């Protein structure tokens, strides 16, 4: 626990600075690096071998390119073209390696597409949020809701959790922790709204902020459980060991991968400020 806290305290200021005050390019480069590492971790977790090194290359390269496409406004044609290129590269490899050393199955290809396109598109919603009006405030919404939902669920589950095993994916998680996570997301999102109003003089709709907290907490919990499901199925504890006390990039950002696009949709459909 101490290691986890120390690492968070060291890295959090750099992460928040890239999200809010540094030039957008710094955020794009940071997101690209996170996604390239996450792609590598995902493929290693599902059993892609060293002989299939080109799958790592294709997937990680695609993951790193997506944030730059999003930043340049090529969300539609650019990402579609990249998805087609990645799919063609993967299937070309699979076709020519079929029943030979280094052969891959269709399930592996789907994981490559997930790591190279789907996760990057989701996570790059942070860049889209930063580029909007009041973007420095909006980009923190999915991060705040993800971190505080996880924190609330952890501590409520630790001290009050009695009804455990609500899902066998994470049998230690309790119903009380689930409710605590939801409430934490709503309460702290409202607190964030108060801070915006009082400190930055931004007009904020509190009912909409509460909705952000509730929906954001739900998808945060789902994101955590979804990546835990993959870990359970492949029999690993963590995706990596890059961040002491946290695991790998996927272990640290699994919740935000779901929360970021959900919050981007909500903000554009029902803006709170």
C-alpha atoms as a PDB file:
ATOM      1  CA  UNK A   1       0.000   0.000   0.000  1.00  0.00           C
ATOM      2  CA  UNK A   2       2.813   2.437   0.919  1.00  0.00           C
ATOM      3  CA  UNK A   3       4.563   1.821  -2.409  1.00  0.00           C
ATOM      4  CA  UNK A   4       1.294   2.389  -4.256  1.00  0.00           C
ATOM      5  CA  UNK A   5       0.734   5.718  -2.500  1.00  0.00           C
ATOM      6  CA  UNK A   6       4.318   6.937  -3.007  1.00  0.00           C
ATOM      7  CA  UNK A   7       4.275   6.117  -6.738  1.00  0.00           C
ATOM      8  CA  UNK A   8       0.904   7.871  -7.115  1.00  0.00           C
ATOM      9  CA  UNK A   9       2.163  10.982  -5.327  1.00  0.00           C
ATOM     10  CA  UNK A  10       5.235  11.123  -7.565  1.00  0.00           C
ATOM     11  CA  UNK A  11       3.493  10.553 -10.904  1.00  0.00           C
ATOM     12  CA  UNK A  12       0.154  12.290 -10.304  1.00  0.00           C
ATOM     13  CA  UNK A  13       1.491  15.887 -10.632  1.00  0.00           C
ATOM     14  CA  UNK A  14       3.073  15.115 -14.001  1.00  0.00           C
ATOM     15  CA  UNK A  15      -0.087  13.403 -15.224  1.00  0.00           C
ATOM     16  CA  UNK A  16      -2.351  16.248 -14.092  1.00  0.00           C
ATOM     17  CA  UNK A  17      -0.003  18.850 -15.571  1.00  0.00           C
ATOM     18  CA  UNK A  18      -0.069  17.107 -18.953  1.00  0.00           C
ATOM     19  CA  UNK A  19      -3.860  16.962 -18.779  1.00  0.00           C
ATOM     20  CA  UNK A  20      -4.436  20.582 -17.836  1.00  0.00           C
ATOM     21  CA  UNK A  21      -1.620  23.119 -18.192  1.00  0.00           C
ATOM     22  CA  UNK A  22       1.054  21.785 -20.527  1.00  0.00           C
ATOM     23  CA  UNK A  23       0.621  22.221 -24.297  1.00  0.00           C
ATOM     24  CA  UNK A  24      -1.816  19.788 -25.919  1.00  0.00           C
ATOM     25  CA  UNK A  25       1.078  18.089 -27.700  1.00  0.00           C
ATOM     26  CA  UNK A  26       2.466  16.989 -24.330  1.00  0.00           C
ATOM     27  CA  UNK A  27      -0.853  15.287 -23.543  1.00  0.00           C
ATOM     28  CA  UNK A  28      -0.919  13.625 -26.968  1.00  0.00           C
ATOM     29  CA  UNK A  29       2.607  12.262 -26.527  1.00  0.00           C
ATOM     30  CA  UNK A  30       1.800  11.016 -23.019  1.00  0.00           C
ATOM     31  CA  UNK A  31      -1.383   9.300 -24.193  1.00  0.00           C
ATOM     32  CA  UNK A  32       0.468   7.747 -27.147  1.00  0.00           C
ATOM     33  CA  UNK A  33       3.110   6.323 -24.808  1.00  0.00           C
ATOM     34  CA  UNK A  34       0.527   4.938 -22.390  1.00  0.00           C
ATOM     35  CA  UNK A  35      -1.400   3.311 -25.224  1.00  0.00           C
ATOM     36  CA  UNK A  36       1.659   1.747 -26.867  1.00  0.00           C
ATOM     37  CA  UNK A  37       2.673   0.167 -23.556  1.00  0.00           C
ATOM     38  CA  UNK A  38      -0.923  -0.907 -22.850  1.00  0.00           C
ATOM     39  CA  UNK A  39      -1.108  -2.602 -26.254  1.00  0.00           C
ATOM     40  CA  UNK A  40       2.090  -4.503 -25.517  1.00  0.00           C
ATOM     41  CA  UNK A  41       0.769  -5.549 -22.091  1.00  0.00           C
ATOM     42  CA  UNK A  42      -2.528  -6.784 -23.522  1.00  0.00           C
ATOM     43  CA  UNK A  43      -0.899  -8.929 -26.199  1.00  0.00           C
ATOM     44  CA  UNK A  44       1.603 -10.385 -23.755  1.00  0.00           C
ATOM     45  CA  UNK A  45      -1.249 -11.198 -21.354  1.00  0.00           C
ATOM     46  CA  UNK A  46      -3.264 -13.120 -23.957  1.00  0.00           C
ATOM     47  CA  UNK A  47      -0.267 -15.201 -25.000  1.00  0.00           C
ATOM     48  CA  UNK A  48       1.241 -13.575 -28.081  1.00  0.00           C
ATOM     49  CA  UNK A  49       4.713 -15.107 -28.374  1.00  0.00           C
ATOM     50  CA  UNK A  50       8.108 -13.626 -29.188  1.00  0.00           C
ATOM     51  CA  UNK A  51       7.991 -15.354 -32.581  1.00  0.00           C
ATOM     52  CA  UNK A  52       4.929 -13.233 -33.350  1.00  0.00           C
ATOM     53  CA  UNK A  53       6.847 -10.009 -32.673  1.00  0.00           C
ATOM     54  CA  UNK A  54       5.327  -8.278 -35.683  1.00  0.00           C
ATOM     55  CA  UNK A  55       1.911  -8.420 -34.008  1.00  0.00           C
ATOM     56  CA  UNK A  56       3.354  -6.400 -31.135  1.00  0.00           C
ATOM     57  CA  UNK A  57       4.831  -3.930 -33.608  1.00  0.00           C
ATOM     58  CA  UNK A  58       1.674  -3.482 -35.697  1.00  0.00           C
ATOM     59  CA  UNK A  59      -0.570  -3.125 -32.639  1.00  0.00           C
ATOM     60  CA  UNK A  60       1.640  -0.833 -30.549  1.00  0.00           C
ATOM     61  CA  UNK A  61       2.390   1.392 -33.558  1.00  0.00           C
ATOM     62  CA  UNK A  62      -1.313   1.709 -34.342  1.00  0.00           C
ATOM     63  CA  UNK A  63      -2.101   2.509 -30.704  1.00  0.00           C
ATOM     64  CA  UNK A  64       0.513   5.274 -30.655  1.00  0.00           C
ATOM     65  CA  UNK A  65      -0.759   6.836 -33.905  1.00  0.00           C
ATOM     66  CA  UNK A  66      -4.436   7.110 -32.869  1.00  0.00           C
ATOM     67  CA  UNK A  67      -3.932  10.015 -30.399  1.00  0.00           C
ATOM     68  CA  UNK A  68      -2.163  12.065 -33.072  1.00  0.00           C
ATOM     69  CA  UNK A  69      -5.017  11.435 -35.519  1.00  0.00           C
ATOM     70  CA  UNK A  70      -7.580  12.495 -32.921  1.00  0.00           C
ATOM     71  CA  UNK A  71      -5.561  15.596 -32.056  1.00  0.00           C
ATOM     72  CA  UNK A  72      -5.437  16.622 -35.717  1.00  0.00           C
ATOM     73  CA  UNK A  73      -9.186  16.164 -36.134  1.00  0.00           C
ATOM     74  CA  UNK A  74      -8.929  13.023 -38.257  1.00  0.00           C
ATOM     75  CA  UNK A  75     -11.231  11.044 -35.973  1.00  0.00           C
ATOM     76  CA  UNK A  76     -13.274   9.634 -38.836  1.00  0.00           C
ATOM     77  CA  UNK A  77     -11.237   9.148 -41.991  1.00  0.00           C
ATOM     78  CA  UNK A  78      -7.869   8.876 -40.251  1.00  0.00           C
ATOM     79  CA  UNK A  79      -8.881   6.325 -37.626  1.00  0.00           C
ATOM     80  CA  UNK A  80     -10.887   4.308 -40.163  1.00  0.00           C
ATOM     81  CA  UNK A  81      -7.923   4.222 -42.528  1.00  0.00           C
ATOM     82  CA  UNK A  82      -5.646   3.137 -39.687  1.00  0.00           C
ATOM     83  CA  UNK A  83      -8.118   0.435 -38.618  1.00  0.00           C
ATOM     84  CA  UNK A  84      -8.237  -0.919 -42.155  1.00  0.00           C
ATOM     85  CA  UNK A  85      -4.441  -0.859 -42.418  1.00  0.00           C
ATOM     86  CA  UNK A  86      -4.029  -2.665 -39.090  1.00  0.00           C
ATOM     87  CA  UNK A  87      -6.656  -5.283 -39.957  1.00  0.00           C
ATOM     88  CA  UNK A  88      -5.036  -5.904 -43.353  1.00  0.00           C
ATOM     89  CA  UNK A  89      -1.584  -6.264 -41.793  1.00  0.00           C
ATOM     90  CA  UNK A  90      -2.847  -8.657 -39.113  1.00  0.00           C
ATOM     91  CA  UNK A  91      -4.823 -10.874 -41.456  1.00  0.00           C
ATOM     92  CA  UNK A  92      -2.043 -10.889 -44.054  1.00  0.00           C
ATOM     93  CA  UNK A  93       0.313 -12.175 -41.383  1.00  0.00           C
ATOM     94  CA  UNK A  94      -2.253 -14.735 -40.189  1.00  0.00           C
ATOM     95  CA  UNK A  95      -2.909 -16.010 -43.708  1.00  0.00           C
ATOM     96  CA  UNK A  96       0.751 -16.528 -44.591  1.00  0.00           C
ATOM     97  CA  UNK A  97       1.643 -18.037 -41.196  1.00  0.00           C
ATOM     98  CA  UNK A  98      -1.343 -20.411 -41.125  1.00  0.00           C
ATOM     99  CA  UNK A  99      -0.277 -23.857 -39.865  1.00  0.00           C
ATOM    100  CA  UNK A 100       3.324 -22.676 -39.713  1.00  0.00           C
ATOM    101  CA  UNK A 101       5.518 -21.522 -36.838  1.00  0.00           C
ATOM    102  CA  UNK A 102       4.185 -18.253 -35.491  1.00  0.00           C
ATOM    103  CA  UNK A 103       0.610 -18.900 -36.640  1.00  0.00           C
ATOM    104  CA  UNK A 104      -2.133 -16.870 -34.964  1.00  0.00           C
ATOM    105  CA  UNK A 105      -5.818 -17.531 -34.414  1.00  0.00           C
ATOM    106  CA  UNK A 106      -8.716 -15.173 -34.993  1.00  0.00           C
ATOM    107  CA  UNK A 107      -9.058 -14.491 -31.246  1.00  0.00           C
ATOM    108  CA  UNK A 108      -5.538 -13.066 -31.141  1.00  0.00           C
ATOM    109  CA  UNK A 109      -6.323 -10.829 -34.096  1.00  0.00           C
ATOM    110  CA  UNK A 110      -9.360  -9.474 -32.241  1.00  0.00           C
ATOM    111  CA  UNK A 111      -7.198  -8.669 -29.221  1.00  0.00           C
ATOM    112  CA  UNK A 112      -4.748  -6.882 -31.538  1.00  0.00           C
ATOM    113  CA  UNK A 113      -7.585  -4.787 -32.928  1.00  0.00           C
ATOM    114  CA  UNK A 114      -8.741  -4.084 -29.385  1.00  0.00           C
ATOM    115  CA  UNK A 115      -5.280  -2.961 -28.287  1.00  0.00           C
ATOM    116  CA  UNK A 116      -4.455  -1.113 -31.497  1.00  0.00           C
ATOM    117  CA  UNK A 117      -7.753   0.653 -32.250  1.00  0.00           C
ATOM    118  CA  UNK A 118     -10.566   0.215 -29.723  1.00  0.00           C
ATOM    119  CA  UNK A 119      -8.716   1.073 -26.502  1.00  0.00           C
ATOM    120  CA  UNK A 120      -6.803   3.964 -28.149  1.00  0.00           C
ATOM    121  CA  UNK A 121     -10.008   5.489 -29.534  1.00  0.00           C
ATOM    122  CA  UNK A 122     -11.640   5.240 -26.097  1.00  0.00           C
ATOM    123  CA  UNK A 123      -8.677   6.628 -24.178  1.00  0.00           C
ATOM    124  CA  UNK A 124      -8.017   9.399 -26.711  1.00  0.00           C
ATOM    125  CA  UNK A 125     -11.313  10.930 -25.601  1.00  0.00           C
ATOM    126  CA  UNK A 126      -9.109  12.679 -23.031  1.00  0.00           C
ATOM    127  CA  UNK A 127      -7.535  14.615 -25.891  1.00  0.00           C
ATOM    128  CA  UNK A 128     -10.933  15.533 -27.308  1.00  0.00           C
ATOM    129  CA  UNK A 129     -12.053  16.792 -23.899  1.00  0.00           C
ATOM    130  CA  UNK A 130      -8.912  18.895 -23.517  1.00  0.00           C
ATOM    131  CA  UNK A 131      -9.510  20.516 -26.921  1.00  0.00           C
ATOM    132  CA  UNK A 132     -13.002  21.732 -26.001  1.00  0.00           C
ATOM    133  CA  UNK A 133     -13.950  25.047 -24.389  1.00  0.00           C
ATOM    134  CA  UNK A 134     -12.974  24.852 -20.698  1.00  0.00           C
ATOM    135  CA  UNK A 135     -11.080  21.744 -21.727  1.00  0.00           C
ATOM    136  CA  UNK A 136      -8.642  21.917 -18.818  1.00  0.00           C
ATOM    137  CA  UNK A 137     -11.606  21.429 -16.488  1.00  0.00           C
ATOM    138  CA  UNK A 138     -13.500  18.908 -18.618  1.00  0.00           C
ATOM    139  CA  UNK A 139     -10.530  16.596 -19.152  1.00  0.00           C
ATOM    140  CA  UNK A 140     -10.320  16.007 -15.402  1.00  0.00           C
ATOM    141  CA  UNK A 141     -13.914  14.723 -15.185  1.00  0.00           C
ATOM    142  CA  UNK A 142     -13.254  11.092 -16.236  1.00  0.00           C
ATOM    143  CA  UNK A 143     -10.015  11.034 -14.248  1.00  0.00           C
ATOM    144  CA  UNK A 144     -11.686  12.365 -11.093  1.00  0.00           C
ATOM    145  CA  UNK A 145     -14.658  10.018 -11.359  1.00  0.00           C
ATOM    146  CA  UNK A 146     -12.467   6.975 -12.072  1.00  0.00           C
ATOM    147  CA  UNK A 147     -10.004   7.565  -9.241  1.00  0.00           C
ATOM    148  CA  UNK A 148     -12.593   8.526  -6.640  1.00  0.00           C
ATOM    149  CA  UNK A 149     -14.988   5.725  -7.562  1.00  0.00           C
ATOM    150  CA  UNK A 150     -12.176   3.204  -7.147  1.00  0.00           C
ATOM    151  CA  UNK A 151     -11.090   4.855  -3.894  1.00  0.00           C
ATOM    152  CA  UNK A 152     -14.599   5.003  -2.469  1.00  0.00           C
ATOM    153  CA  UNK A 153     -15.324   1.396  -3.401  1.00  0.00           C
ATOM    154  CA  UNK A 154     -12.040   0.248  -1.864  1.00  0.00           C
ATOM    155  CA  UNK A 155     -12.465   1.921   1.515  1.00  0.00           C
ATOM    156  CA  UNK A 156     -16.190   1.253   1.873  1.00  0.00           C
ATOM    157  CA  UNK A 157     -15.592  -2.360   0.931  1.00  0.00           C
ATOM    158  CA  UNK A 158     -12.705  -2.606   3.388  1.00  0.00           C
ATOM    159  CA  UNK A 159     -14.579  -1.241   6.401  1.00  0.00           C
ATOM    160  CA  UNK A 160     -18.220  -2.079   5.652  1.00  0.00           C
ATOM    161  CA  UNK A 161     -18.111  -4.845   3.072  1.00  0.00           C
ATOM    162  CA  UNK A 162     -20.097  -7.901   4.169  1.00  0.00           C
ATOM    163  CA  UNK A 163     -21.825  -9.196   1.051  1.00  0.00           C
ATOM    164  CA  UNK A 164     -18.873 -10.258  -1.072  1.00  0.00           C
ATOM    165  CA  UNK A 165     -18.788 -12.320  -4.232  1.00  0.00           C
ATOM    166  CA  UNK A 166     -21.332 -10.286  -6.195  1.00  0.00           C
ATOM    167  CA  UNK A 167     -19.222 -11.304  -9.201  1.00  0.00           C
ATOM    168  CA  UNK A 168     -16.747 -14.161  -9.415  1.00  0.00           C
ATOM    169  CA  UNK A 169     -14.486 -12.011 -11.590  1.00  0.00           C
ATOM    170  CA  UNK A 170     -13.530 -10.081  -8.427  1.00  0.00           C
ATOM    171  CA  UNK A 171     -14.871 -12.188  -5.539  1.00  0.00           C
ATOM    172  CA  UNK A 172     -13.427  -9.874  -2.881  1.00  0.00           C
ATOM    173  CA  UNK A 173     -15.506  -6.943  -4.082  1.00  0.00           C
ATOM    174  CA  UNK A 174     -18.657  -6.399  -2.045  1.00  0.00           C
ATOM    175  CA  UNK A 175     -22.108  -4.993  -2.687  1.00  0.00           C
ATOM    176  CA  UNK A 176     -21.349  -2.323  -0.104  1.00  0.00           C
ATOM    177  CA  UNK A 177     -18.188  -1.374  -1.987  1.00  0.00           C
ATOM    178  CA  UNK A 178     -20.157  -1.155  -5.216  1.00  0.00           C
ATOM    179  CA  UNK A 179     -22.661   1.242  -3.640  1.00  0.00           C
ATOM    180  CA  UNK A 180     -19.851   3.167  -1.950  1.00  0.00           C
ATOM    181  CA  UNK A 181     -18.124   3.621  -5.295  1.00  0.00           C
ATOM    182  CA  UNK A 182     -21.286   4.973  -6.904  1.00  0.00           C
ATOM    183  CA  UNK A 183     -21.941   7.388  -4.047  1.00  0.00           C
ATOM    184  CA  UNK A 184     -18.308   8.516  -4.030  1.00  0.00           C
ATOM    185  CA  UNK A 185     -18.457   9.289  -7.726  1.00  0.00           C
ATOM    186  CA  UNK A 186     -21.595  11.392  -7.314  1.00  0.00           C
ATOM    187  CA  UNK A 187     -20.461  13.201  -4.147  1.00  0.00           C
ATOM    188  CA  UNK A 188     -16.989  14.051  -5.361  1.00  0.00           C
ATOM    189  CA  UNK A 189     -18.285  15.120  -8.776  1.00  0.00           C
ATOM    190  CA  UNK A 190     -20.583  17.564  -6.975  1.00  0.00           C
ATOM    191  CA  UNK A 191     -17.595  18.752  -4.947  1.00  0.00           C
ATOM    192  CA  UNK A 192     -15.699  19.298  -8.177  1.00  0.00           C
ATOM    193  CA  UNK A 193     -18.612  21.362  -9.450  1.00  0.00           C
ATOM    194  CA  UNK A 194     -18.494  23.526  -6.299  1.00  0.00           C
ATOM    195  CA  UNK A 195     -14.752  24.064  -6.778  1.00  0.00           C
ATOM    196  CA  UNK A 196     -15.311  25.164 -10.376  1.00  0.00           C
ATOM    197  CA  UNK A 197     -17.964  27.628  -9.273  1.00  0.00           C
ATOM    198  CA  UNK A 198     -16.240  29.055  -6.234  1.00  0.00           C
ATOM    199  CA  UNK A 199     -12.615  29.087  -7.386  1.00  0.00           C
ATOM    200  CA  UNK A 200     -12.856  29.514 -11.158  1.00  0.00           C
ATOM    201  CA  UNK A 201     -16.246  31.257 -11.486  1.00  0.00           C
ATOM    202  CA  UNK A 202     -17.577  28.679 -13.925  1.00  0.00           C
ATOM    203  CA  UNK A 203     -21.363  28.294 -14.081  1.00  0.00           C
ATOM    204  CA  UNK A 204     -22.110  24.634 -13.339  1.00  0.00           C
ATOM    205  CA  UNK A 205     -25.343  22.635 -13.381  1.00  0.00           C
ATOM    206  CA  UNK A 206     -25.184  20.511 -10.236  1.00  0.00           C
ATOM    207  CA  UNK A 207     -27.909  18.003 -11.285  1.00  0.00           C
ATOM    208  CA  UNK A 208     -25.948  17.316 -14.471  1.00  0.00           C
ATOM    209  CA  UNK A 209     -22.743  16.956 -12.471  1.00  0.00           C
ATOM    210  CA  UNK A 210     -24.520  14.394 -10.281  1.00  0.00           C
ATOM    211  CA  UNK A 211     -25.511  12.524 -13.448  1.00  0.00           C
ATOM    212  CA  UNK A 212     -21.890  12.648 -14.608  1.00  0.00           C
ATOM    213  CA  UNK A 213     -20.861  11.133 -11.295  1.00  0.00           C
ATOM    214  CA  UNK A 214     -23.442   8.351 -11.405  1.00  0.00           C
ATOM    215  CA  UNK A 215     -22.893   7.307 -15.026  1.00  0.00           C
ATOM    216  CA  UNK A 216     -19.145   7.807 -14.749  1.00  0.00           C
ATOM    217  CA  UNK A 217     -19.013   5.580 -11.673  1.00  0.00           C
ATOM    218  CA  UNK A 218     -21.012   2.851 -13.388  1.00  0.00           C
ATOM    219  CA  UNK A 219     -18.739   2.699 -16.427  1.00  0.00           C
ATOM    220  CA  UNK A 220     -15.676   3.006 -14.180  1.00  0.00           C
ATOM    221  CA  UNK A 221     -16.723  -0.099 -12.278  1.00  0.00           C
ATOM    222  CA  UNK A 222     -17.542  -1.888 -15.530  1.00  0.00           C
ATOM    223  CA  UNK A 223     -14.141  -0.968 -16.991  1.00  0.00           C
ATOM    224  CA  UNK A 224     -12.350  -2.338 -13.944  1.00  0.00           C
ATOM    225  CA  UNK A 225     -14.332  -5.592 -14.043  1.00  0.00           C
ATOM    226  CA  UNK A 226     -13.924  -5.956 -17.820  1.00  0.00           C
ATOM    227  CA  UNK A 227     -10.144  -5.905 -17.713  1.00  0.00           C
ATOM    228  CA  UNK A 228     -10.215  -8.077 -14.591  1.00  0.00           C
ATOM    229  CA  UNK A 229     -12.244 -10.604 -16.603  1.00  0.00           C
ATOM    230  CA  UNK A 230      -9.469 -10.831 -19.188  1.00  0.00           C
ATOM    231  CA  UNK A 231      -6.878 -11.302 -16.429  1.00  0.00           C
ATOM    232  CA  UNK A 232      -8.957 -14.073 -14.864  1.00  0.00           C
ATOM    233  CA  UNK A 233      -9.387 -15.841 -18.174  1.00  0.00           C
ATOM    234  CA  UNK A 234      -5.673 -15.804 -18.994  1.00  0.00           C
ATOM    235  CA  UNK A 235      -4.587 -16.510 -15.398  1.00  0.00           C
ATOM    236  CA  UNK A 236      -2.530 -13.454 -14.482  1.00  0.00           C
ATOM    237  CA  UNK A 237      -2.632 -11.073 -11.508  1.00  0.00           C
ATOM    238  CA  UNK A 238      -1.403  -7.897 -13.211  1.00  0.00           C
ATOM    239  CA  UNK A 239      -0.839  -6.819 -16.793  1.00  0.00           C
ATOM    240  CA  UNK A 240       2.649  -5.586 -15.946  1.00  0.00           C
ATOM    241  CA  UNK A 241       5.034  -4.319 -13.292  1.00  0.00           C
ATOM    242  CA  UNK A 242       5.977  -0.945 -14.749  1.00  0.00           C
ATOM    243  CA  UNK A 243       4.308   1.010 -11.933  1.00  0.00           C
ATOM    244  CA  UNK A 244       5.268  -0.450  -8.530  1.00  0.00           C
ATOM    245  CA  UNK A 245       2.197  -1.048  -6.421  1.00  0.00           C
ATOM    246  CA  UNK A 246      -0.109  -0.431  -9.384  1.00  0.00           C
ATOM    247  CA  UNK A 247       0.894  -3.048 -11.945  1.00  0.00           C
ATOM    248  CA  UNK A 248       1.004  -2.082 -15.588  1.00  0.00           C
ATOM    249  CA  UNK A 249      -0.564   0.703 -17.626  1.00  0.00           C
ATOM    250  CA  UNK A 250      -3.729  -1.334 -18.172  1.00  0.00           C
ATOM    251  CA  UNK A 251      -4.009  -1.997 -14.449  1.00  0.00           C
ATOM    252  CA  UNK A 252      -3.761   1.733 -13.719  1.00  0.00           C
ATOM    253  CA  UNK A 253      -5.970   3.084 -16.509  1.00  0.00           C
ATOM    254  CA  UNK A 254      -8.528   0.297 -17.030  1.00  0.00           C
ATOM    255  CA  UNK A 255     -11.304   2.373 -15.443  1.00  0.00           C
ATOM    256  CA  UNK A 256     -10.423   5.551 -17.337  1.00  0.00           C
ATOM    257  CA  UNK A 257     -10.485   3.679 -20.661  1.00  0.00           C
ATOM    258  CA  UNK A 258     -14.245   3.271 -20.195  1.00  0.00           C
ATOM    259  CA  UNK A 259     -14.892   6.510 -18.305  1.00  0.00           C
ATOM    260  CA  UNK A 260     -13.239   8.862 -20.829  1.00  0.00           C
ATOM    261  CA  UNK A 261     -15.490   8.158 -23.848  1.00  0.00           C
ATOM    262  CA  UNK A 262     -18.587   7.920 -21.651  1.00  0.00           C
ATOM    263  CA  UNK A 263     -17.896  11.353 -20.164  1.00  0.00           C
ATOM    264  CA  UNK A 264     -17.121  12.813 -23.600  1.00  0.00           C
ATOM    265  CA  UNK A 265     -20.513  11.630 -24.875  1.00  0.00           C
ATOM    266  CA  UNK A 266     -22.326  12.966 -21.803  1.00  0.00           C
ATOM    267  CA  UNK A 267     -20.588  16.334 -21.955  1.00  0.00           C
ATOM    268  CA  UNK A 268     -21.517  16.787 -25.622  1.00  0.00           C
ATOM    269  CA  UNK A 269     -25.108  15.607 -25.211  1.00  0.00           C
ATOM    270  CA  UNK A 270     -25.799  17.283 -21.856  1.00  0.00           C
ATOM    271  CA  UNK A 271     -23.172  19.899 -20.963  1.00  0.00           C
ATOM    272  CA  UNK A 272     -22.895  20.881 -17.290  1.00  0.00           C
ATOM    273  CA  UNK A 273     -20.714  23.929 -17.981  1.00  0.00           C
END
